[in-house]
Amino acid sequence: MPVDELRELLDRHARPDLTTAIDGVRLCKSDHTAAPESSMSGMVVAVVAQGRKRLGLGNRFYDYGAGQYLVTSVDVPVTGRVLDAAYGRPALGFGMTLEPAVIAELMLQAGPGDIPRSTGAPRPGIAVSDAPDELLDAIVRLLRLLDQPRDRRTLAPIFKREILWRLMTGEQGDAVRQLGLAGSNLRHVTLAAQWIKENYARPFRVEEVAKLSGLSVSAFHRNFQAVTAMTPIQFQKHIRLQAARLLLVDNPSDVTGVGSRVGYDSPSQFSREYRRLFGVPPSRDSVRMRDGGSPGSALP
């Protein structure tokens, strides 16, 4: 079974920093159930070979376990945690960045009828499905290259393209294909989300971002919430608070200054919203991170 070999490869090659010798590929190994951690999702496919993980986006929650894959088609603020992990039976996961340019190229190369037509309807930015053997086979062949450095440079791009193709033609293919379509609703939302991330510390009017994304205000609201499970203002708040958490690692005693840098005029509002998202006030969280904890990564 492909998942058996995938489990063995992940167990052998996963490192504490998640990175691998293959660009855009991350491996996760955890032998304990951890507290929820907030981070940006990235645009990725994540596959679990052992254990189970839970991802929260706004008021939506996604569980995925062994033999399932999760696709995040927009870089959104999420909360993730590892479940069903224990010493001797760790949770094991694979993650790979989705590349819109490569997806667009594969769509251009496809013959008539090779891939379904995209509906263009707004879809959630996260989706979970059972992983078909063809997808798992491609991932296993990619990870075998970690033991084959001579072949890695030439074959890794080929196997990554196959993984993208399996995703494009699979159950979540519509969302993946929209990443490669310049005029899709998903791309409009992606442009807006990127602008908010780059300008998170400044106030904005929703009409302004709708215009930048190329949508009417009503269509922008509808598509943005369908994809991200948040309003644009809620999205900005999550980005601000995650940025603040990173800043607190280097400035643990300057809670008020950090709040101001990420756009909060009121220290009490900053502390209140920080605690609501991360479970502890910023002053206490900064001490925890200074003593060895750090903001984690929700995926793979």
Protein backbone atom coordinates (compact mmCIF):
# COMPACT_ATOMS: atom_id res chain seq x y z
CA MET A 1 0.00 0.00 0.00
CA PRO A 2 1.38 3.46 -0.90
CA VAL A 3 0.48 4.86 2.53
CA ASP A 4 2.71 2.25 4.21
CA GLU A 5 5.80 3.33 2.28
CA LEU A 6 4.82 6.97 2.74
CA ARG A 7 4.68 6.38 6.50
CA GLU A 8 8.17 4.84 6.46
CA LEU A 9 9.67 7.67 4.40
CA LEU A 10 8.14 10.34 6.62
CA ASP A 11 9.28 8.62 9.81
CA ARG A 12 12.83 8.41 8.50
CA HIS A 13 13.23 11.84 6.90
CA ALA A 14 11.13 14.27 8.99
CA ARG A 15 13.24 16.83 10.87
CA PRO A 16 12.36 19.21 13.73
CA ASP A 17 12.41 22.24 11.41
CA LEU A 18 10.06 20.47 8.91
CA THR A 19 12.32 21.29 5.94
CA THR A 20 13.67 18.89 3.30
CA ALA A 21 16.18 18.95 0.47
CA ILE A 22 13.27 19.32 -1.99
CA ASP A 23 12.12 22.90 -2.46
CA GLY A 24 8.56 23.50 -1.30
CA VAL A 25 8.25 20.15 0.52
CA ARG A 26 7.88 19.91 4.30
CA LEU A 27 7.57 16.86 6.52
CA CYS A 28 6.06 16.72 9.99
CA LYS A 29 6.65 14.20 12.77
CA SER A 30 5.16 14.67 16.23
CA ASP A 31 5.05 12.13 19.04
CA HIS A 32 2.66 14.06 21.24
CA THR A 33 -0.65 15.86 21.04
CA ALA A 34 0.15 19.57 21.12
CA ALA A 35 -1.81 22.64 22.07
CA PRO A 36 -3.37 24.53 19.13
CA GLU A 37 -0.97 26.85 17.31
CA SER A 38 -1.88 29.76 15.02
CA SER A 39 -0.06 30.45 11.77
CA MET A 40 -0.61 31.25 8.10
CA SER A 41 -1.62 28.21 6.11
CA GLY A 42 0.20 28.92 2.88
CA MET A 43 -1.21 27.50 -0.36
CA VAL A 44 -0.43 23.83 0.14
CA VAL A 45 -1.50 20.23 -0.10
CA ALA A 46 -1.02 18.32 3.15
CA VAL A 47 -1.28 14.52 3.49
CA VAL A 48 -1.43 12.57 6.76
CA ALA A 49 0.17 9.11 6.82
CA GLN A 50 -0.32 8.44 10.53
CA GLY A 51 -2.23 10.15 13.31
CA ARG A 52 -4.71 12.95 12.81
CA LYS A 53 -4.69 16.73 12.54
CA ARG A 54 -7.28 19.44 13.01
CA LEU A 55 -7.29 22.82 11.33
CA GLY A 56 -9.54 25.75 12.24
CA LEU A 57 -10.41 28.55 9.84
CA GLY A 58 -12.79 31.13 11.24
CA ASN A 59 -15.75 29.13 12.53
CA ARG A 60 -14.96 26.08 10.37
CA PHE A 61 -12.96 23.03 11.49
CA TYR A 62 -11.30 20.38 9.34
CA ASP A 63 -10.07 17.00 10.59
CA TYR A 64 -7.89 14.83 8.38
CA GLY A 65 -6.27 11.51 9.20
CA ALA A 66 -4.20 8.73 7.68
CA GLY A 67 -4.77 8.42 3.94
CA GLN A 68 -6.50 11.80 3.61
CA TYR A 69 -5.31 15.07 2.10
CA LEU A 70 -6.14 18.69 2.77
CA VAL A 71 -5.85 21.50 0.23
CA THR A 72 -5.53 25.16 1.21
CA SER A 73 -6.05 27.25 -1.91
CA VAL A 74 -5.55 30.64 -0.20
CA ASP A 75 -2.96 31.72 2.36
CA VAL A 76 -5.21 32.23 5.39
CA PRO A 77 -4.73 32.54 9.17
CA VAL A 78 -5.48 29.16 10.73
CA THR A 79 -5.22 27.35 14.04
CA GLY A 80 -3.89 23.80 13.86
CA ARG A 81 -3.06 20.99 16.21
CA VAL A 82 -1.80 17.41 16.05
CA LEU A 83 -4.16 14.72 17.40
CA ASP A 84 -3.75 10.98 18.00
CA ALA A 85 0.03 11.12 18.42
CA ALA A 86 2.02 9.15 20.97
CA TYR A 87 5.59 8.11 21.66
CA GLY A 88 6.35 5.15 19.40
CA ARG A 89 3.46 6.04 17.09
CA PRO A 90 4.00 9.63 15.98
CA ALA A 91 1.73 11.65 13.76
CA LEU A 92 3.32 11.88 10.31
CA GLY A 93 2.48 14.39 7.59
CA PHE A 94 3.62 15.59 4.17
CA GLY A 95 3.13 19.11 2.83
CA MET A 96 3.89 20.68 -0.56
CA THR A 97 3.42 24.24 -1.77
CA LEU A 98 0.92 24.72 -4.59
CA GLU A 99 2.38 26.71 -7.50
CA PRO A 100 -0.21 28.70 -9.52
CA ALA A 101 2.20 29.22 -12.45
CA VAL A 102 2.77 25.47 -12.82
CA ILE A 103 -0.96 24.79 -12.48
CA ALA A 104 -1.65 27.32 -15.26
CA GLU A 105 0.98 25.67 -17.46
CA LEU A 106 -0.52 22.21 -16.91
CA MET A 107 -3.96 23.54 -17.82
CA LEU A 108 -2.59 24.94 -21.08
CA GLN A 109 -0.94 21.62 -21.91
CA ALA A 110 -4.06 19.55 -21.17
CA GLY A 111 -6.01 18.23 -24.10
CA PRO A 112 -9.75 18.74 -24.67
CA GLY A 113 -11.70 16.90 -22.01
CA ASP A 114 -8.60 16.01 -19.94
CA ILE A 115 -9.76 18.14 -17.01
CA PRO A 116 -13.28 19.20 -16.00
CA ARG A 117 -14.36 22.77 -16.55
CA SER A 118 -14.04 24.95 -13.47
CA THR A 119 -17.40 26.16 -12.20
CA GLY A 120 -16.01 29.51 -11.03
CA ALA A 121 -18.25 29.35 -7.95
CA PRO A 122 -16.64 30.53 -4.69
CA ARG A 123 -15.40 27.58 -2.64
CA PRO A 124 -13.97 27.36 0.88
CA GLY A 125 -10.23 27.99 0.99
CA ILE A 126 -9.72 24.63 2.73
CA ALA A 127 -11.06 21.22 1.75
CA VAL A 128 -10.41 17.59 2.82
CA SER A 129 -10.69 14.40 0.74
CA ASP A 130 -9.52 10.79 0.78
CA ALA A 131 -6.22 10.48 -1.07
CA PRO A 132 -6.37 8.19 -4.13
CA ASP A 133 -3.53 5.73 -4.65
CA GLU A 134 -2.35 7.65 -7.73
CA LEU A 135 -1.71 10.75 -5.61
CA LEU A 136 0.02 8.78 -2.85
CA ASP A 137 2.17 6.97 -5.43
CA ALA A 138 3.40 10.29 -6.84
CA ILE A 139 4.21 11.60 -3.34
CA VAL A 140 6.12 8.41 -2.48
CA ARG A 141 8.21 8.69 -5.68
CA LEU A 142 8.98 12.31 -4.82
CA LEU A 143 10.09 11.43 -1.29
CA ARG A 144 12.26 8.54 -2.48
CA LEU A 145 14.44 11.24 -4.02
CA LEU A 146 15.53 12.24 -0.52
CA ASP A 147 17.66 9.09 -0.69
CA GLN A 148 18.72 9.76 -4.31
CA PRO A 149 20.53 13.12 -4.46
CA ARG A 150 21.87 12.46 -7.97
CA ASP A 151 18.35 12.19 -9.38
CA ARG A 152 16.73 14.88 -7.25
CA ARG A 153 17.39 17.97 -9.37
CA THR A 154 15.99 16.39 -12.54
CA LEU A 155 13.14 14.26 -11.25
CA ALA A 156 11.73 16.32 -8.37
CA PRO A 157 10.07 18.92 -10.66
CA ILE A 158 8.53 16.09 -12.70
CA PHE A 159 7.02 14.34 -9.68
CA LYS A 160 5.80 17.64 -8.23
CA ARG A 161 4.01 18.36 -11.51
CA GLU A 162 2.40 14.93 -11.34
CA ILE A 163 1.18 15.64 -7.81
CA LEU A 164 -0.36 18.91 -8.99
CA TRP A 165 -1.96 17.10 -11.93
CA ARG A 166 -3.50 14.48 -9.62
CA LEU A 167 -4.89 17.28 -7.48
CA MET A 168 -6.23 19.20 -10.49
CA THR A 169 -8.08 16.13 -11.75
CA GLY A 170 -9.18 14.90 -8.34
CA GLU A 171 -12.07 15.61 -6.00
CA GLN A 172 -10.76 19.06 -5.04
CA GLY A 173 -9.65 19.83 -8.58
CA ASP A 174 -11.95 22.81 -9.08
CA ALA A 175 -10.32 24.78 -6.24
CA VAL A 176 -6.80 23.83 -7.39
CA ARG A 177 -7.50 24.69 -11.02
CA GLN A 178 -8.83 28.12 -10.06
CA LEU A 179 -5.35 28.92 -8.74
CA GLY A 180 -4.15 28.80 -12.33
CA LEU A 181 -6.94 30.97 -13.77
CA ALA A 182 -6.09 34.67 -13.75
CA GLY A 183 -9.74 35.77 -13.74
CA SER A 184 -11.18 33.26 -11.27
CA ASN A 185 -13.03 34.30 -8.14
CA LEU A 186 -10.38 32.53 -6.09
CA ARG A 187 -7.63 34.62 -7.68
CA HIS A 188 -9.61 37.79 -6.92
CA VAL A 189 -9.83 36.76 -3.27
CA THR A 190 -6.14 35.83 -3.25
CA LEU A 191 -5.22 39.31 -4.51
CA ALA A 192 -7.32 40.92 -1.79
CA ALA A 193 -5.91 38.66 0.94
CA GLN A 194 -2.37 39.42 -0.20
CA TRP A 195 -3.02 43.18 -0.11
CA ILE A 196 -4.44 42.94 3.42
CA LYS A 197 -1.41 40.93 4.57
CA GLU A 198 0.98 43.49 3.12
CA ASN A 199 -0.94 46.43 4.63
CA TYR A 200 -2.29 44.87 7.82
CA ALA A 201 -1.23 47.73 10.13
CA ARG A 202 -3.22 50.41 8.31
CA PRO A 203 -7.00 50.91 8.37
CA PHE A 204 -8.83 50.36 5.10
CA ARG A 205 -12.28 50.60 3.59
CA VAL A 206 -13.75 47.41 2.20
CA GLU A 207 -14.72 49.30 -0.96
CA GLU A 208 -11.04 50.07 -1.52
CA VAL A 209 -9.97 46.42 -1.36
CA ALA A 210 -12.93 45.31 -3.48
CA LYS A 211 -11.80 47.70 -6.20
CA LEU A 212 -8.23 46.40 -6.01
CA SER A 213 -9.47 42.82 -6.36
CA GLY A 214 -11.58 43.67 -9.41
CA LEU A 215 -14.94 42.78 -7.87
CA SER A 216 -18.03 44.73 -6.89
CA VAL A 217 -18.42 45.28 -3.15
CA SER A 218 -21.26 42.76 -2.85
CA ALA A 219 -19.42 40.11 -4.90
CA PHE A 220 -16.23 40.77 -2.96
CA HIS A 221 -17.95 40.28 0.41
CA ARG A 222 -19.66 37.10 -0.79
CA ASN A 223 -16.53 35.53 -2.32
CA PHE A 224 -14.14 36.58 0.45
CA GLN A 225 -16.29 35.08 3.19
CA ALA A 226 -17.01 31.94 1.19
CA VAL A 227 -13.27 31.30 0.75
CA THR A 228 -11.80 32.51 4.06
CA ALA A 229 -14.74 32.05 6.49
CA MET A 230 -14.04 35.61 7.68
CA THR A 231 -14.93 39.16 6.80
CA PRO A 232 -12.03 41.26 5.47
CA ILE A 233 -11.83 43.07 8.83
CA GLN A 234 -11.70 39.79 10.76
CA PHE A 235 -9.00 38.57 8.37
CA GLN A 236 -6.96 41.72 9.04
CA LYS A 237 -7.35 41.22 12.80
CA HIS A 238 -5.95 37.68 12.60
CA ILE A 239 -3.01 38.89 10.51
CA ARG A 240 -2.28 41.70 12.98
CA LEU A 241 -2.34 39.39 15.99
CA GLN A 242 -0.12 36.78 14.36
CA ALA A 243 2.36 39.50 13.37
CA ALA A 244 2.26 40.77 16.95
CA ARG A 245 3.08 37.31 18.27
CA LEU A 246 6.17 37.12 16.09
CA LEU A 247 7.27 40.61 17.18
CA LEU A 248 6.88 39.65 20.84
CA VAL A 249 9.57 36.99 20.43
CA ASP A 250 12.14 39.80 19.99
CA ASN A 251 10.33 42.43 22.10
CA PRO A 252 8.82 40.52 25.05
CA SER A 253 8.72 43.52 27.39
CA ASP A 254 7.20 46.00 24.91
CA VAL A 255 3.61 44.77 24.67
CA THR A 256 2.17 48.27 24.16
CA GLY A 257 4.72 49.12 21.47
CA VAL A 258 4.09 45.86 19.62
CA GLY A 259 0.33 46.47 19.69
CA SER A 260 0.86 49.93 18.23
CA ARG A 261 3.18 48.63 15.50
CA VAL A 262 0.56 46.19 14.23
CA GLY A 263 -2.18 48.83 14.14
CA TYR A 264 -3.84 48.93 17.57
CA ASP A 265 -4.50 52.37 19.10
CA SER A 266 -5.84 50.84 22.33
CA PRO A 267 -3.52 48.63 24.44
CA SER A 268 -6.52 47.15 26.26
CA GLN A 269 -8.20 46.19 22.98
CA PHE A 270 -4.95 44.65 21.75
CA SER A 271 -4.57 42.59 24.93
CA ARG A 272 -8.22 41.52 24.88
CA GLU A 273 -8.20 40.37 21.24
CA TYR A 274 -4.78 38.73 21.60
CA ARG A 275 -6.04 36.67 24.54
CA ARG A 276 -9.19 35.73 22.65
CA LEU A 277 -7.13 34.28 19.78
CA PHE A 278 -4.16 32.74 21.61
CA GLY A 279 -5.72 31.89 24.97
CA VAL A 280 -3.34 34.00 27.10
CA PRO A 281 -2.58 37.74 27.26
CA PRO A 282 0.43 38.97 25.27
CA SER A 283 2.55 39.60 28.38
CA ARG A 284 2.23 35.98 29.50
CA ASP A 285 2.62 34.59 25.99
CA SER A 286 5.84 36.55 25.49
CA VAL A 287 7.30 34.97 28.65
CA ARG A 288 6.36 31.49 27.43
CA MET A 289 8.00 32.08 24.06
CA ARG A 290 11.09 33.59 25.70
CA ASP A 291 11.41 30.44 27.84
CA GLY A 292 11.51 28.16 24.83
CA GLY A 293 8.09 28.13 23.21
CA SER A 294 7.56 29.67 19.79
CA PRO A 295 4.75 30.29 17.33
CA GLY A 296 4.25 27.04 15.47
CA SER A 297 3.26 25.95 11.98
CA ALA A 298 -0.15 24.42 11.46
CA LEU A 299 0.78 22.49 8.33
CA PRO A 300 1.53 19.96 7.02
